[in-house]
């Protein structure tokens, strides 16, 4: 319709009308482009908003993991330090043989938890977040958590060696009564509810055999040092991750 009108104006040499019609075309195209750009920007903002929510959830979960790991390896370390005192002493266990066996069992525990980065990596591939300062903060935080993937990911010699001395009957009791796992929450918990049951096995003999290995003291000391290093740094990971999650939450409100 508009182009037929322009053609008629040209044939009639009505150049003013031609100019007006041409201006209408230009303005219409410009508005169309602006609307398309606005729609695209709104779509991108909505996509960024969705990914920022996922990243925020991932950061919160990672902070919770760091907290659980701190609690877990605190128990592992406490048990290991009691076991180390026993190995270094000239004493043999008396009334506390079952407690000591639980300590050696707990000291040998390894919970390999990897801090998730799935949402962050997907967001980065799409160019999110658009705020450069937040991007840098996220990279720094995730690099920090990634550096802890190498800690406590491999079974230490102490774990493998000390378990050579634990009889299968005792192992069944220890795993069923002094260790729990929440499959839904992917969480391990060290408990001490198997002491009475351990009285049905010869805990004293197993501890004598454990103590007879002169290499175990050094293995345990190394394992304790690894866990102490992790325990010192897990609060830093947790606090940094929480602070970054707060920044992401602020950005979520901004791009809403």
C-alpha atoms as a PDB file:
ATOM      1  CA  UNK A   1       0.000   0.000   0.000  1.00  0.00           C
ATOM      2  CA  UNK A   2       2.691   2.496   1.034  1.00  0.00           C
ATOM      3  CA  UNK A   3       4.898   1.700  -1.946  1.00  0.00           C
ATOM      4  CA  UNK A   4       2.005   2.082  -4.393  1.00  0.00           C
ATOM      5  CA  UNK A   5       1.315   5.483  -2.854  1.00  0.00           C
ATOM      6  CA  UNK A   6       4.974   6.470  -3.229  1.00  0.00           C
ATOM      7  CA  UNK A   7       4.883   5.337  -6.864  1.00  0.00           C
ATOM      8  CA  UNK A   8       1.787   7.469  -7.486  1.00  0.00           C
ATOM      9  CA  UNK A   9       3.432  10.491  -5.893  1.00  0.00           C
ATOM     10  CA  UNK A  10       6.518  10.021  -8.062  1.00  0.00           C
ATOM     11  CA  UNK A  11       4.397   9.767 -11.199  1.00  0.00           C
ATOM     12  CA  UNK A  12       2.631  12.978 -10.128  1.00  0.00           C
ATOM     13  CA  UNK A  13       5.983  14.557  -9.240  1.00  0.00           C
ATOM     14  CA  UNK A  14       4.708  15.321  -5.762  1.00  0.00           C
ATOM     15  CA  UNK A  15       8.178  15.295  -4.219  1.00  0.00           C
ATOM     16  CA  UNK A  16       7.081  16.605  -0.848  1.00  0.00           C
ATOM     17  CA  UNK A  17       4.686  13.697  -0.463  1.00  0.00           C
ATOM     18  CA  UNK A  18       7.457  11.339  -1.648  1.00  0.00           C
ATOM     19  CA  UNK A  19       9.736  12.722   1.069  1.00  0.00           C
ATOM     20  CA  UNK A  20       7.072  12.305   3.735  1.00  0.00           C
ATOM     21  CA  UNK A  21       6.402   8.726   2.665  1.00  0.00           C
ATOM     22  CA  UNK A  22      10.121   7.946   2.575  1.00  0.00           C
ATOM     23  CA  UNK A  23      10.480   9.380   6.088  1.00  0.00           C
ATOM     24  CA  UNK A  24       7.611   7.179   7.248  1.00  0.00           C
ATOM     25  CA  UNK A  25       9.431   4.122   5.822  1.00  0.00           C
ATOM     26  CA  UNK A  26      12.700   5.065   7.491  1.00  0.00           C
ATOM     27  CA  UNK A  27      11.044   5.751  10.840  1.00  0.00           C
ATOM     28  CA  UNK A  28       9.088   2.499  10.575  1.00  0.00           C
ATOM     29  CA  UNK A  29      12.240   0.490   9.868  1.00  0.00           C
ATOM     30  CA  UNK A  30      14.073   2.248  12.705  1.00  0.00           C
ATOM     31  CA  UNK A  31      11.264   1.553  15.169  1.00  0.00           C
ATOM     32  CA  UNK A  32      11.117  -2.055  14.004  1.00  0.00           C
ATOM     33  CA  UNK A  33      14.840  -2.496  14.588  1.00  0.00           C
ATOM     34  CA  UNK A  34      14.607  -0.863  18.015  1.00  0.00           C
ATOM     35  CA  UNK A  35      11.692  -3.083  19.020  1.00  0.00           C
ATOM     36  CA  UNK A  36      13.590  -6.174  17.829  1.00  0.00           C
ATOM     37  CA  UNK A  37      16.683  -5.059  19.756  1.00  0.00           C
ATOM     38  CA  UNK A  38      14.602  -4.378  22.850  1.00  0.00           C
ATOM     39  CA  UNK A  39      12.964  -7.807  22.619  1.00  0.00           C
ATOM     40  CA  UNK A  40      16.361  -9.431  22.187  1.00  0.00           C
ATOM     41  CA  UNK A  41      17.764  -7.526  25.160  1.00  0.00           C
ATOM     42  CA  UNK A  42      14.783  -8.504  27.308  1.00  0.00           C
ATOM     43  CA  UNK A  43      15.184 -12.123  26.271  1.00  0.00           C
ATOM     44  CA  UNK A  44      18.887 -12.021  27.105  1.00  0.00           C
ATOM     45  CA  UNK A  45      18.173 -10.386  30.482  1.00  0.00           C
ATOM     46  CA  UNK A  46      15.647 -13.104  31.256  1.00  0.00           C
ATOM     47  CA  UNK A  47      18.190 -15.757  30.315  1.00  0.00           C
ATOM     48  CA  UNK A  48      20.887 -14.088  32.413  1.00  0.00           C
ATOM     49  CA  UNK A  49      18.466 -13.826  35.325  1.00  0.00           C
ATOM     50  CA  UNK A  50      17.743 -17.556  35.123  1.00  0.00           C
ATOM     51  CA  UNK A  51      21.429 -18.498  35.017  1.00  0.00           C
ATOM     52  CA  UNK A  52      22.311 -16.164  37.856  1.00  0.00           C
ATOM     53  CA  UNK A  53      19.712 -17.934  39.999  1.00  0.00           C
ATOM     54  CA  UNK A  54      21.362 -21.266  39.164  1.00  0.00           C
ATOM     55  CA  UNK A  55      24.826 -19.886  39.960  1.00  0.00           C
ATOM     56  CA  UNK A  56      23.551 -18.476  43.259  1.00  0.00           C
ATOM     57  CA  UNK A  57      22.086 -21.868  44.234  1.00  0.00           C
ATOM     58  CA  UNK A  58      25.350 -23.548  43.279  1.00  0.00           C
ATOM     59  CA  UNK A  59      27.389 -21.143  45.403  1.00  0.00           C
ATOM     60  CA  UNK A  60      25.114 -21.649  48.406  1.00  0.00           C
ATOM     61  CA  UNK A  61      25.422 -25.428  48.038  1.00  0.00           C
ATOM     62  CA  UNK A  62      29.207 -25.171  47.768  1.00  0.00           C
ATOM     63  CA  UNK A  63      29.331 -23.062  50.923  1.00  0.00           C
ATOM     64  CA  UNK A  64      27.234 -25.683  52.708  1.00  0.00           C
ATOM     65  CA  UNK A  65      29.602 -28.391  51.438  1.00  0.00           C
ATOM     66  CA  UNK A  66      32.579 -26.501  52.822  1.00  0.00           C
ATOM     67  CA  UNK A  67      30.831 -26.278  56.192  1.00  0.00           C
ATOM     68  CA  UNK A  68      30.033 -29.996  56.211  1.00  0.00           C
ATOM     69  CA  UNK A  69      33.585 -30.848  55.186  1.00  0.00           C
ATOM     70  CA  UNK A  70      34.947 -28.707  58.009  1.00  0.00           C
ATOM     71  CA  UNK A  71      32.803 -30.561  60.533  1.00  0.00           C
ATOM     72  CA  UNK A  72      33.647 -33.946  59.013  1.00  0.00           C
ATOM     73  CA  UNK A  73      37.408 -33.489  58.904  1.00  0.00           C
ATOM     74  CA  UNK A  74      37.401 -31.940  62.374  1.00  0.00           C
ATOM     75  CA  UNK A  75      36.057 -35.273  63.614  1.00  0.00           C
ATOM     76  CA  UNK A  76      38.594 -37.181  61.491  1.00  0.00           C
ATOM     77  CA  UNK A  77      41.427 -35.069  62.871  1.00  0.00           C
ATOM     78  CA  UNK A  78      40.301 -35.284  66.499  1.00  0.00           C
ATOM     79  CA  UNK A  79      40.101 -39.060  66.198  1.00  0.00           C
ATOM     80  CA  UNK A  80      43.485 -39.147  64.449  1.00  0.00           C
ATOM     81  CA  UNK A  81      45.165 -37.115  67.168  1.00  0.00           C
ATOM     82  CA  UNK A  82      43.869 -39.488  69.846  1.00  0.00           C
ATOM     83  CA  UNK A  83      45.073 -42.428  67.772  1.00  0.00           C
ATOM     84  CA  UNK A  84      48.484 -40.777  67.366  1.00  0.00           C
ATOM     85  CA  UNK A  85      48.831 -40.365  71.141  1.00  0.00           C
ATOM     86  CA  UNK A  86      48.193 -44.087  71.477  1.00  0.00           C
ATOM     87  CA  UNK A  87      50.767 -44.974  68.814  1.00  0.00           C
ATOM     88  CA  UNK A  88      53.407 -42.743  70.408  1.00  0.00           C
ATOM     89  CA  UNK A  89      52.846 -44.033  73.933  1.00  0.00           C
ATOM     90  CA  UNK A  90      54.095 -47.196  75.573  1.00  0.00           C
ATOM     91  CA  UNK A  91      50.627 -47.923  76.890  1.00  0.00           C
ATOM     92  CA  UNK A  92      48.270 -50.610  75.707  1.00  0.00           C
ATOM     93  CA  UNK A  93      44.535 -50.095  75.642  1.00  0.00           C
ATOM     94  CA  UNK A  94      42.591 -51.223  78.666  1.00  0.00           C
ATOM     95  CA  UNK A  95      38.947 -50.307  79.175  1.00  0.00           C
ATOM     96  CA  UNK A  96      38.936 -47.969  76.165  1.00  0.00           C
ATOM     97  CA  UNK A  97      39.903 -50.483  73.445  1.00  0.00           C
ATOM     98  CA  UNK A  98      36.591 -50.091  71.595  1.00  0.00           C
ATOM     99  CA  UNK A  99      36.842 -46.285  71.707  1.00  0.00           C
ATOM    100  CA  UNK A 100      40.371 -46.416  70.336  1.00  0.00           C
ATOM    101  CA  UNK A 101      39.387 -48.745  67.515  1.00  0.00           C
ATOM    102  CA  UNK A 102      36.634 -46.324  66.550  1.00  0.00           C
ATOM    103  CA  UNK A 103      39.249 -43.534  66.580  1.00  0.00           C
ATOM    104  CA  UNK A 104      41.473 -45.423  64.158  1.00  0.00           C
ATOM    105  CA  UNK A 105      38.463 -46.166  61.953  1.00  0.00           C
ATOM    106  CA  UNK A 106      37.355 -42.526  61.936  1.00  0.00           C
ATOM    107  CA  UNK A 107      40.910 -41.285  61.425  1.00  0.00           C
ATOM    108  CA  UNK A 108      41.112 -43.354  58.244  1.00  0.00           C
ATOM    109  CA  UNK A 109      37.997 -41.805  56.702  1.00  0.00           C
ATOM    110  CA  UNK A 110      38.090 -40.020  53.355  1.00  0.00           C
ATOM    111  CA  UNK A 111      35.119 -38.057  52.038  1.00  0.00           C
ATOM    112  CA  UNK A 112      35.818 -36.932  48.482  1.00  0.00           C
ATOM    113  CA  UNK A 113      33.559 -33.973  47.839  1.00  0.00           C
ATOM    114  CA  UNK A 114      33.986 -31.914  44.690  1.00  0.00           C
ATOM    115  CA  UNK A 115      32.681 -28.355  44.665  1.00  0.00           C
ATOM    116  CA  UNK A 116      30.238 -28.045  41.765  1.00  0.00           C
ATOM    117  CA  UNK A 117      30.966 -25.635  38.900  1.00  0.00           C
ATOM    118  CA  UNK A 118      28.359 -26.726  36.339  1.00  0.00           C
ATOM    119  CA  UNK A 119      26.076 -23.671  36.467  1.00  0.00           C
ATOM    120  CA  UNK A 120      29.009 -21.265  36.542  1.00  0.00           C
ATOM    121  CA  UNK A 121      30.694 -22.827  33.487  1.00  0.00           C
ATOM    122  CA  UNK A 122      27.447 -22.832  31.500  1.00  0.00           C
ATOM    123  CA  UNK A 123      26.784 -19.193  32.413  1.00  0.00           C
ATOM    124  CA  UNK A 124      30.280 -18.118  31.370  1.00  0.00           C
ATOM    125  CA  UNK A 125      29.931 -19.845  28.008  1.00  0.00           C
ATOM    126  CA  UNK A 126      26.836 -17.722  27.356  1.00  0.00           C
ATOM    127  CA  UNK A 127      28.601 -14.526  28.412  1.00  0.00           C
ATOM    128  CA  UNK A 128      26.999 -14.230  31.853  1.00  0.00           C
ATOM    129  CA  UNK A 129      27.160 -12.387  34.101  1.00  0.00           C
ATOM    130  CA  UNK A 130      27.336  -9.251  31.977  1.00  0.00           C
ATOM    131  CA  UNK A 131      28.811  -7.262  34.870  1.00  0.00           C
ATOM    132  CA  UNK A 132      32.606  -7.547  34.533  1.00  0.00           C
ATOM    133  CA  UNK A 133      33.356  -7.003  38.218  1.00  0.00           C
ATOM    134  CA  UNK A 134      31.021  -9.841  39.180  1.00  0.00           C
ATOM    135  CA  UNK A 135      32.554 -12.081  36.521  1.00  0.00           C
ATOM    136  CA  UNK A 136      36.001 -11.525  37.983  1.00  0.00           C
ATOM    137  CA  UNK A 137      34.704 -12.211  41.480  1.00  0.00           C
ATOM    138  CA  UNK A 138      33.130 -15.453  40.323  1.00  0.00           C
ATOM    139  CA  UNK A 139      36.285 -16.601  38.546  1.00  0.00           C
ATOM    140  CA  UNK A 140      38.352 -15.913  41.670  1.00  0.00           C
ATOM    141  CA  UNK A 141      35.898 -17.730  43.938  1.00  0.00           C
ATOM    142  CA  UNK A 142      35.580 -20.759  41.689  1.00  0.00           C
ATOM    143  CA  UNK A 143      39.342 -20.906  41.198  1.00  0.00           C
ATOM    144  CA  UNK A 144      39.675 -20.988  44.985  1.00  0.00           C
ATOM    145  CA  UNK A 145      37.191 -23.834  45.380  1.00  0.00           C
ATOM    146  CA  UNK A 146      38.730 -25.660  42.421  1.00  0.00           C
ATOM    147  CA  UNK A 147      42.120 -25.614  44.103  1.00  0.00           C
ATOM    148  CA  UNK A 148      40.662 -27.783  46.893  1.00  0.00           C
ATOM    149  CA  UNK A 149      39.779 -30.568  44.455  1.00  0.00           C
ATOM    150  CA  UNK A 150      43.308 -31.941  44.891  1.00  0.00           C
ATOM    151  CA  UNK A 151      42.972 -32.165  48.690  1.00  0.00           C
ATOM    152  CA  UNK A 152      41.657 -35.410  50.132  1.00  0.00           C
ATOM    153  CA  UNK A 153      40.851 -36.853  46.711  1.00  0.00           C
ATOM    154  CA  UNK A 154      43.232 -39.817  46.932  1.00  0.00           C
ATOM    155  CA  UNK A 155      43.264 -42.559  49.525  1.00  0.00           C
ATOM    156  CA  UNK A 156      46.203 -41.977  51.910  1.00  0.00           C
ATOM    157  CA  UNK A 157      48.588 -44.841  52.806  1.00  0.00           C
ATOM    158  CA  UNK A 158      47.407 -44.651  56.429  1.00  0.00           C
ATOM    159  CA  UNK A 159      43.821 -45.443  55.425  1.00  0.00           C
ATOM    160  CA  UNK A 160      44.776 -48.527  53.448  1.00  0.00           C
ATOM    161  CA  UNK A 161      47.366 -49.800  55.909  1.00  0.00           C
ATOM    162  CA  UNK A 162      45.408 -49.444  59.147  1.00  0.00           C
ATOM    163  CA  UNK A 163      42.403 -51.192  57.641  1.00  0.00           C
ATOM    164  CA  UNK A 164      44.536 -54.263  56.998  1.00  0.00           C
ATOM    165  CA  UNK A 165      44.360 -54.873  60.751  1.00  0.00           C
ATOM    166  CA  UNK A 166      40.579 -54.503  61.139  1.00  0.00           C
ATOM    167  CA  UNK A 167      38.850 -57.869  61.052  1.00  0.00           C
ATOM    168  CA  UNK A 168      35.769 -58.219  58.797  1.00  0.00           C
ATOM    169  CA  UNK A 169      33.504 -58.731  61.810  1.00  0.00           C
ATOM    170  CA  UNK A 170      34.711 -55.494  63.343  1.00  0.00           C
ATOM    171  CA  UNK A 171      34.419 -53.719  59.992  1.00  0.00           C
ATOM    172  CA  UNK A 172      30.746 -54.696  59.737  1.00  0.00           C
ATOM    173  CA  UNK A 173      30.107 -53.234  63.173  1.00  0.00           C
ATOM    174  CA  UNK A 174      32.051 -50.037  62.466  1.00  0.00           C
ATOM    175  CA  UNK A 175      30.414 -49.370  59.103  1.00  0.00           C
ATOM    176  CA  UNK A 176      26.897 -50.115  60.353  1.00  0.00           C
ATOM    177  CA  UNK A 177      27.073 -48.375  63.727  1.00  0.00           C
ATOM    178  CA  UNK A 178      29.817 -45.716  63.594  1.00  0.00           C
ATOM    179  CA  UNK A 179      29.309 -44.299  60.102  1.00  0.00           C
ATOM    180  CA  UNK A 180      26.210 -43.015  58.327  1.00  0.00           C
ATOM    181  CA  UNK A 181      25.449 -41.726  54.858  1.00  0.00           C
ATOM    182  CA  UNK A 182      22.528 -39.609  53.686  1.00  0.00           C
ATOM    183  CA  UNK A 183      22.169 -40.604  50.038  1.00  0.00           C
ATOM    184  CA  UNK A 184      19.675 -37.841  49.244  1.00  0.00           C
ATOM    185  CA  UNK A 185      21.885 -35.145  50.764  1.00  0.00           C
ATOM    186  CA  UNK A 186      25.131 -36.868  49.709  1.00  0.00           C
ATOM    187  CA  UNK A 187      26.470 -36.441  53.233  1.00  0.00           C
ATOM    188  CA  UNK A 188      28.619 -38.734  55.362  1.00  0.00           C
ATOM    189  CA  UNK A 189      28.481 -38.583  59.162  1.00  0.00           C
ATOM    190  CA  UNK A 190      30.872 -40.110  61.676  1.00  0.00           C
ATOM    191  CA  UNK A 191      29.071 -41.432  64.743  1.00  0.00           C
ATOM    192  CA  UNK A 192      30.083 -43.408  67.823  1.00  0.00           C
ATOM    193  CA  UNK A 193      27.134 -45.723  68.365  1.00  0.00           C
ATOM    194  CA  UNK A 194      28.892 -49.038  67.882  1.00  0.00           C
ATOM    195  CA  UNK A 195      31.026 -49.231  71.039  1.00  0.00           C
ATOM    196  CA  UNK A 196      28.889 -51.870  72.764  1.00  0.00           C
ATOM    197  CA  UNK A 197      28.811 -54.075  69.668  1.00  0.00           C
ATOM    198  CA  UNK A 198      32.608 -53.892  69.361  1.00  0.00           C
ATOM    199  CA  UNK A 199      32.860 -55.702  72.678  1.00  0.00           C
ATOM    200  CA  UNK A 200      31.912 -58.847  70.758  1.00  0.00           C
ATOM    201  CA  UNK A 201      35.219 -58.737  68.833  1.00  0.00           C
ATOM    202  CA  UNK A 202      38.830 -58.649  69.992  1.00  0.00           C
ATOM    203  CA  UNK A 203      39.509 -54.908  69.715  1.00  0.00           C
ATOM    204  CA  UNK A 204      42.583 -55.175  71.962  1.00  0.00           C
ATOM    205  CA  UNK A 205      44.308 -57.635  69.649  1.00  0.00           C
ATOM    206  CA  UNK A 206      43.613 -55.512  66.571  1.00  0.00           C
ATOM    207  CA  UNK A 207      45.047 -52.467  68.347  1.00  0.00           C
ATOM    208  CA  UNK A 208      48.179 -54.430  69.357  1.00  0.00           C
ATOM    209  CA  UNK A 209      48.666 -55.408  65.711  1.00  0.00           C
ATOM    210  CA  UNK A 210      48.129 -51.808  64.599  1.00  0.00           C
ATOM    211  CA  UNK A 211      50.656 -50.543  67.134  1.00  0.00           C
ATOM    212  CA  UNK A 212      53.216 -53.127  66.009  1.00  0.00           C
ATOM    213  CA  UNK A 213      53.593 -51.395  62.632  1.00  0.00           C
ATOM    214  CA  UNK A 214      56.263 -48.689  63.136  1.00  0.00           C
ATOM    215  CA  UNK A 215      55.365 -46.986  59.838  1.00  0.00           C
ATOM    216  CA  UNK A 216      51.784 -46.166  60.843  1.00  0.00           C
ATOM    217  CA  UNK A 217      52.794 -43.275  63.093  1.00  0.00           C
ATOM    218  CA  UNK A 218      54.404 -41.402  60.219  1.00  0.00           C
ATOM    219  CA  UNK A 219      51.503 -42.211  57.878  1.00  0.00           C
ATOM    220  CA  UNK A 220      49.000 -40.907  60.418  1.00  0.00           C
ATOM    221  CA  UNK A 221      51.034 -37.763  61.056  1.00  0.00           C
ATOM    222  CA  UNK A 222      51.086 -37.006  57.312  1.00  0.00           C
ATOM    223  CA  UNK A 223      47.324 -37.597  57.026  1.00  0.00           C
ATOM    224  CA  UNK A 224      46.657 -35.328  60.001  1.00  0.00           C
ATOM    225  CA  UNK A 225      48.741 -32.562  58.430  1.00  0.00           C
ATOM    226  CA  UNK A 226      46.695 -32.811  55.229  1.00  0.00           C
ATOM    227  CA  UNK A 227      43.447 -32.555  57.155  1.00  0.00           C
ATOM    228  CA  UNK A 228      44.657 -29.687  59.333  1.00  0.00           C
ATOM    229  CA  UNK A 229      45.549 -27.748  56.186  1.00  0.00           C
ATOM    230  CA  UNK A 230      42.068 -28.402  54.799  1.00  0.00           C
ATOM    231  CA  UNK A 231      40.373 -27.427  58.070  1.00  0.00           C
ATOM    232  CA  UNK A 232      42.224 -24.112  58.192  1.00  0.00           C
ATOM    233  CA  UNK A 233      41.128 -23.242  54.668  1.00  0.00           C
ATOM    234  CA  UNK A 234      37.552 -24.550  54.499  1.00  0.00           C
ATOM    235  CA  UNK A 235      36.243 -21.521  56.462  1.00  0.00           C
ATOM    236  CA  UNK A 236      37.940 -19.244  53.924  1.00  0.00           C
ATOM    237  CA  UNK A 237      36.305 -21.127  51.066  1.00  0.00           C
ATOM    238  CA  UNK A 238      32.929 -21.013  52.823  1.00  0.00           C
ATOM    239  CA  UNK A 239      33.066 -17.307  53.671  1.00  0.00           C
ATOM    240  CA  UNK A 240      34.320 -16.293  50.235  1.00  0.00           C
ATOM    241  CA  UNK A 241      31.620 -18.369  48.558  1.00  0.00           C
ATOM    242  CA  UNK A 242      28.877 -16.884  50.730  1.00  0.00           C
ATOM    243  CA  UNK A 243      30.095 -13.343  50.006  1.00  0.00           C
ATOM    244  CA  UNK A 244      30.087 -14.056  46.264  1.00  0.00           C
ATOM    245  CA  UNK A 245      26.612 -15.578  46.500  1.00  0.00           C
ATOM    246  CA  UNK A 246      25.425 -12.320  48.093  1.00  0.00           C
ATOM    247  CA  UNK A 247      26.895 -10.362  45.176  1.00  0.00           C
ATOM    248  CA  UNK A 248      25.089 -12.634  42.712  1.00  0.00           C
ATOM    249  CA  UNK A 249      21.836 -12.147  44.642  1.00  0.00           C
ATOM    250  CA  UNK A 250      22.229  -8.366  44.267  1.00  0.00           C
ATOM    251  CA  UNK A 251      22.820  -8.776  40.523  1.00  0.00           C
ATOM    252  CA  UNK A 252      19.747 -10.980  40.207  1.00  0.00           C
ATOM    253  CA  UNK A 253      17.635  -8.108  41.508  1.00  0.00           C
ATOM    254  CA  UNK A 254      19.324  -5.673  39.138  1.00  0.00           C
ATOM    255  CA  UNK A 255      18.689  -7.664  35.951  1.00  0.00           C
ATOM    256  CA  UNK A 256      15.166  -8.705  36.913  1.00  0.00           C
END
